[in-house]
Amino acid sequence: MMRKFLDWAIIVAATGFIAILALSAVYDHTIIWLHVFQALMYVAVIALVLRRDRLGYFLGVSIAALWNYTAMFVDNFFRNGLRALAHLTATGQLTHPDQLIAVGAVTFHFVIIAAGLVLIVQTSRRAGADLLRLIVVFAVSTGYFAADVALCQPRYLQLFPRMLHPHGLF
């Protein structure tokens, strides 16, 4: 019962993030192809989780962790989203919906990470092999994302070296 709930949490959160990718492309048409190819990773997560393939948990955790790490510690996307949320809460005026969506994106990713990690641990038969699998899936998915950025929006390649030197959340 718990596994089914967590599977659906991942599916709903991945679907929510795909919706955020589509919505953000409305605000910036130059990133449509970047987001189409990025969304394919989340479609893969959904498909794998629906098949109860553990690879979906590893992929979900990997891409969600990289995205949240980048949004929270490498660029200002999440920080600006929090400012937009604070402004909306204080004034009732939505001034930067393109920034506010970062808060939803990070939230969806935390759901994927938490549910995925619980499911990896619950279904694990060999912790060492699972750690190695997570590292390999993280490396491959990060490579896929880097190729997506290089092909569709090379201006964002600057984020990758900065990932090695994060600046903090606030």
C-alpha atoms as a PDB file:
ATOM      1  CA  MET A   1       0.000   0.000   0.000  1.00  0.00           C
ATOM      2  CA  MET A   2       2.780   2.425   0.929  1.00  0.00           C
ATOM      3  CA  ARG A   3       4.732   1.607  -2.234  1.00  0.00           C
ATOM      4  CA  LYS A   4       1.688   2.351  -4.367  1.00  0.00           C
ATOM      5  CA  PHE A   5       1.177   5.695  -2.597  1.00  0.00           C
ATOM      6  CA  LEU A   6       4.843   6.643  -3.075  1.00  0.00           C
ATOM      7  CA  ASP A   7       4.777   5.525  -6.720  1.00  0.00           C
ATOM      8  CA  TRP A   8       1.813   7.809  -7.318  1.00  0.00           C
ATOM      9  CA  ALA A   9       3.500  10.653  -5.438  1.00  0.00           C
ATOM     10  CA  ILE A  10       6.414  10.395  -7.875  1.00  0.00           C
ATOM     11  CA  ILE A  11       4.082  10.224 -10.880  1.00  0.00           C
ATOM     12  CA  VAL A  12       2.048  13.243  -9.761  1.00  0.00           C
ATOM     13  CA  ALA A  13       5.161  15.283  -8.920  1.00  0.00           C
ATOM     14  CA  ALA A  14       6.849  14.414 -12.228  1.00  0.00           C
ATOM     15  CA  THR A  15       3.677  15.337 -14.094  1.00  0.00           C
ATOM     16  CA  GLY A  16       3.503  18.594 -12.144  1.00  0.00           C
ATOM     17  CA  PHE A  17       7.058  19.417 -13.083  1.00  0.00           C
ATOM     18  CA  ILE A  18       6.353  18.690 -16.743  1.00  0.00           C
ATOM     19  CA  ALA A  19       3.475  21.185 -16.480  1.00  0.00           C
ATOM     20  CA  ILE A  20       5.879  23.736 -14.978  1.00  0.00           C
ATOM     21  CA  LEU A  21       8.313  23.167 -17.857  1.00  0.00           C
ATOM     22  CA  ALA A  22       5.471  23.839 -20.311  1.00  0.00           C
ATOM     23  CA  LEU A  23       4.315  26.915 -18.408  1.00  0.00           C
ATOM     24  CA  SER A  24       7.811  28.370 -18.198  1.00  0.00           C
ATOM     25  CA  ALA A  25       8.175  27.973 -21.960  1.00  0.00           C
ATOM     26  CA  VAL A  26       5.141  30.253 -22.286  1.00  0.00           C
ATOM     27  CA  TYR A  27       7.131  32.984 -20.536  1.00  0.00           C
ATOM     28  CA  ASP A  28      10.303  32.335 -22.527  1.00  0.00           C
ATOM     29  CA  HIS A  29       9.793  30.843 -25.990  1.00  0.00           C
ATOM     30  CA  THR A  30      13.529  30.361 -26.491  1.00  0.00           C
ATOM     31  CA  ILE A  31      13.587  27.439 -24.050  1.00  0.00           C
ATOM     32  CA  ILE A  32      10.836  25.330 -25.618  1.00  0.00           C
ATOM     33  CA  TRP A  33      13.162  22.670 -27.092  1.00  0.00           C
ATOM     34  CA  LEU A  34      15.300  22.584 -23.965  1.00  0.00           C
ATOM     35  CA  HIS A  35      12.186  21.851 -21.946  1.00  0.00           C
ATOM     36  CA  VAL A  36      10.803  19.322 -24.412  1.00  0.00           C
ATOM     37  CA  PHE A  37      13.944  17.218 -24.103  1.00  0.00           C
ATOM     38  CA  GLN A  38      14.122  17.795 -20.364  1.00  0.00           C
ATOM     39  CA  ALA A  39      10.499  16.662 -20.020  1.00  0.00           C
ATOM     40  CA  LEU A  40      11.405  13.386 -21.718  1.00  0.00           C
ATOM     41  CA  MET A  41      13.425  12.438 -18.635  1.00  0.00           C
ATOM     42  CA  TYR A  42      10.336  12.898 -16.466  1.00  0.00           C
ATOM     43  CA  VAL A  43       8.218  10.948 -18.944  1.00  0.00           C
ATOM     44  CA  ALA A  44      10.777   8.150 -18.586  1.00  0.00           C
ATOM     45  CA  VAL A  45      10.482   8.334 -14.801  1.00  0.00           C
ATOM     46  CA  ILE A  46       6.698   8.084 -15.026  1.00  0.00           C
ATOM     47  CA  ALA A  47       6.829   5.170 -17.462  1.00  0.00           C
ATOM     48  CA  LEU A  48       9.378   3.274 -15.367  1.00  0.00           C
ATOM     49  CA  VAL A  49       7.502   3.850 -12.116  1.00  0.00           C
ATOM     50  CA  LEU A  50       4.250   2.706 -13.717  1.00  0.00           C
ATOM     51  CA  ARG A  51       6.075  -0.518 -14.680  1.00  0.00           C
ATOM     52  CA  ARG A  52       7.435  -0.738 -11.116  1.00  0.00           C
ATOM     53  CA  ASP A  53      10.942  -0.656 -12.532  1.00  0.00           C
ATOM     54  CA  ARG A  54      13.334   0.528  -9.809  1.00  0.00           C
ATOM     55  CA  LEU A  55      15.328   2.416 -12.428  1.00  0.00           C
ATOM     56  CA  GLY A  56      12.530   5.011 -12.323  1.00  0.00           C
ATOM     57  CA  TYR A  57      13.327   5.754  -8.671  1.00  0.00           C
ATOM     58  CA  PHE A  58      17.035   6.159  -9.401  1.00  0.00           C
ATOM     59  CA  LEU A  59      16.357   8.390 -12.398  1.00  0.00           C
ATOM     60  CA  GLY A  60      13.766  10.456 -10.537  1.00  0.00           C
ATOM     61  CA  VAL A  61      16.041  11.045  -7.559  1.00  0.00           C
ATOM     62  CA  SER A  62      18.982  11.876  -9.829  1.00  0.00           C
ATOM     63  CA  ILE A  63      17.290  14.459 -12.027  1.00  0.00           C
ATOM     64  CA  ALA A  64      15.290  16.008  -9.192  1.00  0.00           C
ATOM     65  CA  ALA A  65      18.358  16.330  -6.961  1.00  0.00           C
ATOM     66  CA  LEU A  66      20.436  17.939  -9.712  1.00  0.00           C
ATOM     67  CA  TRP A  67      17.649  20.358 -10.593  1.00  0.00           C
ATOM     68  CA  ASN A  68      17.003  21.363  -6.972  1.00  0.00           C
ATOM     69  CA  TYR A  69      20.691  21.708  -6.230  1.00  0.00           C
ATOM     70  CA  THR A  70      21.104  23.991  -9.226  1.00  0.00           C
ATOM     71  CA  ALA A  71      17.988  26.054  -8.504  1.00  0.00           C
ATOM     72  CA  MET A  72      18.819  26.462  -4.825  1.00  0.00           C
ATOM     73  CA  PHE A  73      22.607  26.811  -4.737  1.00  0.00           C
ATOM     74  CA  VAL A  74      23.939  27.647  -8.205  1.00  0.00           C
ATOM     75  CA  ASP A  75      21.571  30.195  -9.700  1.00  0.00           C
ATOM     76  CA  ASN A  76      18.966  32.593  -8.310  1.00  0.00           C
ATOM     77  CA  PHE A  77      15.858  30.837  -9.657  1.00  0.00           C
ATOM     78  CA  PHE A  78      14.544  29.503  -6.344  1.00  0.00           C
ATOM     79  CA  ARG A  79      15.590  32.591  -4.367  1.00  0.00           C
ATOM     80  CA  ASN A  80      13.730  34.810  -6.837  1.00  0.00           C
ATOM     81  CA  GLY A  81      10.736  32.475  -6.606  1.00  0.00           C
ATOM     82  CA  LEU A  82      10.699  32.837  -2.819  1.00  0.00           C
ATOM     83  CA  ARG A  83      10.821  36.618  -3.194  1.00  0.00           C
ATOM     84  CA  ALA A  84       7.898  36.491  -5.625  1.00  0.00           C
ATOM     85  CA  LEU A  85       5.973  34.298  -3.164  1.00  0.00           C
ATOM     86  CA  ALA A  86       6.740  36.678  -0.279  1.00  0.00           C
ATOM     87  CA  HIS A  87       5.577  39.620  -2.384  1.00  0.00           C
ATOM     88  CA  LEU A  88       2.385  37.799  -3.350  1.00  0.00           C
ATOM     89  CA  THR A  89       1.721  36.885   0.277  1.00  0.00           C
ATOM     90  CA  ALA A  90       2.395  40.413   1.530  1.00  0.00           C
ATOM     91  CA  THR A  91       0.559  42.373  -1.169  1.00  0.00           C
ATOM     92  CA  GLY A  92      -1.783  39.954  -2.878  1.00  0.00           C
ATOM     93  CA  GLN A  93      -0.210  40.968  -6.194  1.00  0.00           C
ATOM     94  CA  LEU A  94       1.425  38.458  -8.500  1.00  0.00           C
ATOM     95  CA  THR A  95       4.240  40.363 -10.179  1.00  0.00           C
ATOM     96  CA  HIS A  96       6.596  37.612 -11.322  1.00  0.00           C
ATOM     97  CA  PRO A  97       4.727  34.386 -12.107  1.00  0.00           C
ATOM     98  CA  ASP A  98       7.720  33.240 -14.167  1.00  0.00           C
ATOM     99  CA  GLN A  99       9.806  33.297 -10.978  1.00  0.00           C
ATOM    100  CA  LEU A 100       7.100  32.002  -8.635  1.00  0.00           C
ATOM    101  CA  ILE A 101       6.942  28.700 -10.497  1.00  0.00           C
ATOM    102  CA  ALA A 102      10.395  27.865  -9.097  1.00  0.00           C
ATOM    103  CA  VAL A 103       8.823  27.278  -5.685  1.00  0.00           C
ATOM    104  CA  GLY A 104       6.436  24.713  -7.144  1.00  0.00           C
ATOM    105  CA  ALA A 105       9.232  23.108  -9.144  1.00  0.00           C
ATOM    106  CA  VAL A 106      11.445  22.682  -6.084  1.00  0.00           C
ATOM    107  CA  THR A 107       8.505  21.293  -4.113  1.00  0.00           C
ATOM    108  CA  PHE A 108       7.681  18.733  -6.809  1.00  0.00           C
ATOM    109  CA  HIS A 109      11.320  17.701  -6.883  1.00  0.00           C
ATOM    110  CA  PHE A 110      11.486  17.233  -3.112  1.00  0.00           C
ATOM    111  CA  VAL A 111       8.497  14.890  -3.380  1.00  0.00           C
ATOM    112  CA  ILE A 112      10.289  12.886  -6.098  1.00  0.00           C
ATOM    113  CA  ILE A 113      13.507  12.763  -4.060  1.00  0.00           C
ATOM    114  CA  ALA A 114      11.851  11.742  -0.786  1.00  0.00           C
ATOM    115  CA  ALA A 115       9.533   9.135  -2.303  1.00  0.00           C
ATOM    116  CA  GLY A 116      12.278   7.795  -4.573  1.00  0.00           C
ATOM    117  CA  LEU A 117      14.793   7.406  -1.749  1.00  0.00           C
ATOM    118  CA  VAL A 118      12.264   5.650   0.472  1.00  0.00           C
ATOM    119  CA  LEU A 119      11.386   3.268  -2.346  1.00  0.00           C
ATOM    120  CA  ILE A 120      15.033   2.604  -3.200  1.00  0.00           C
ATOM    121  CA  VAL A 121      15.732   1.695   0.432  1.00  0.00           C
ATOM    122  CA  GLN A 122      12.535  -0.360   0.826  1.00  0.00           C
ATOM    123  CA  THR A 123      13.135  -2.381  -2.322  1.00  0.00           C
ATOM    124  CA  SER A 124      16.896  -2.732  -1.955  1.00  0.00           C
ATOM    125  CA  ARG A 125      18.503  -6.127  -1.810  1.00  0.00           C
ATOM    126  CA  ARG A 126      22.099  -4.895  -1.983  1.00  0.00           C
ATOM    127  CA  ALA A 127      22.833  -1.399  -0.709  1.00  0.00           C
ATOM    128  CA  GLY A 128      26.296  -1.196  -2.297  1.00  0.00           C
ATOM    129  CA  ALA A 129      24.968  -2.119  -5.720  1.00  0.00           C
ATOM    130  CA  ASP A 130      22.158   0.408  -5.352  1.00  0.00           C
ATOM    131  CA  LEU A 131      24.585   3.178  -4.446  1.00  0.00           C
ATOM    132  CA  LEU A 132      26.649   2.363  -7.520  1.00  0.00           C
ATOM    133  CA  ARG A 133      23.470   2.280  -9.629  1.00  0.00           C
ATOM    134  CA  LEU A 134      22.444   5.697  -8.283  1.00  0.00           C
ATOM    135  CA  ILE A 135      25.869   7.152  -9.109  1.00  0.00           C
ATOM    136  CA  VAL A 136      25.784   5.744 -12.653  1.00  0.00           C
ATOM    137  CA  VAL A 137      22.207   6.926 -13.286  1.00  0.00           C
ATOM    138  CA  PHE A 138      23.101  10.363 -11.898  1.00  0.00           C
ATOM    139  CA  ALA A 139      26.129  10.602 -14.206  1.00  0.00           C
ATOM    140  CA  VAL A 140      24.193   9.466 -17.288  1.00  0.00           C
ATOM    141  CA  SER A 141      21.182  11.704 -16.601  1.00  0.00           C
ATOM    142  CA  THR A 142      23.453  14.682 -15.912  1.00  0.00           C
ATOM    143  CA  GLY A 143      25.237  13.989 -19.209  1.00  0.00           C
ATOM    144  CA  TYR A 144      21.902  13.829 -21.010  1.00  0.00           C
ATOM    145  CA  PHE A 145      20.853  17.129 -19.461  1.00  0.00           C
ATOM    146  CA  ALA A 146      24.201  18.737 -20.349  1.00  0.00           C
ATOM    147  CA  ALA A 147      23.800  17.565 -23.952  1.00  0.00           C
ATOM    148  CA  ASP A 148      20.258  18.959 -23.972  1.00  0.00           C
ATOM    149  CA  VAL A 149      21.558  22.316 -22.748  1.00  0.00           C
ATOM    150  CA  ALA A 150      24.470  22.294 -25.211  1.00  0.00           C
ATOM    151  CA  LEU A 151      22.178  21.588 -28.152  1.00  0.00           C
ATOM    152  CA  CYS A 152      19.186  23.727 -27.221  1.00  0.00           C
ATOM    153  CA  GLN A 153      20.437  26.556 -24.978  1.00  0.00           C
ATOM    154  CA  PRO A 154      24.247  26.734 -24.816  1.00  0.00           C
ATOM    155  CA  ARG A 155      24.018  29.988 -22.861  1.00  0.00           C
ATOM    156  CA  TYR A 156      23.106  27.868 -19.809  1.00  0.00           C
ATOM    157  CA  LEU A 157      26.259  25.754 -20.021  1.00  0.00           C
ATOM    158  CA  GLN A 158      27.828  28.244 -17.618  1.00  0.00           C
ATOM    159  CA  LEU A 159      25.775  26.588 -14.859  1.00  0.00           C
ATOM    160  CA  PHE A 160      27.749  23.347 -15.014  1.00  0.00           C
ATOM    161  CA  PRO A 161      31.153  24.700 -13.854  1.00  0.00           C
ATOM    162  CA  ARG A 162      29.311  26.788 -11.244  1.00  0.00           C
ATOM    163  CA  MET A 163      27.767  23.592  -9.842  1.00  0.00           C
ATOM    164  CA  LEU A 164      31.207  22.801  -8.482  1.00  0.00           C
ATOM    165  CA  HIS A 165      31.271  26.134  -6.602  1.00  0.00           C
ATOM    166  CA  PRO A 166      27.806  26.728  -5.128  1.00  0.00           C
ATOM    167  CA  HIS A 167      27.080  30.044  -3.441  1.00  0.00           C
ATOM    168  CA  GLY A 168      24.413  29.138  -0.889  1.00  0.00           C
ATOM    169  CA  LEU A 169      20.689  29.554  -0.719  1.00  0.00           C
ATOM    170  CA  PHE A 170      20.438  33.090   0.648  1.00  0.00           C
END
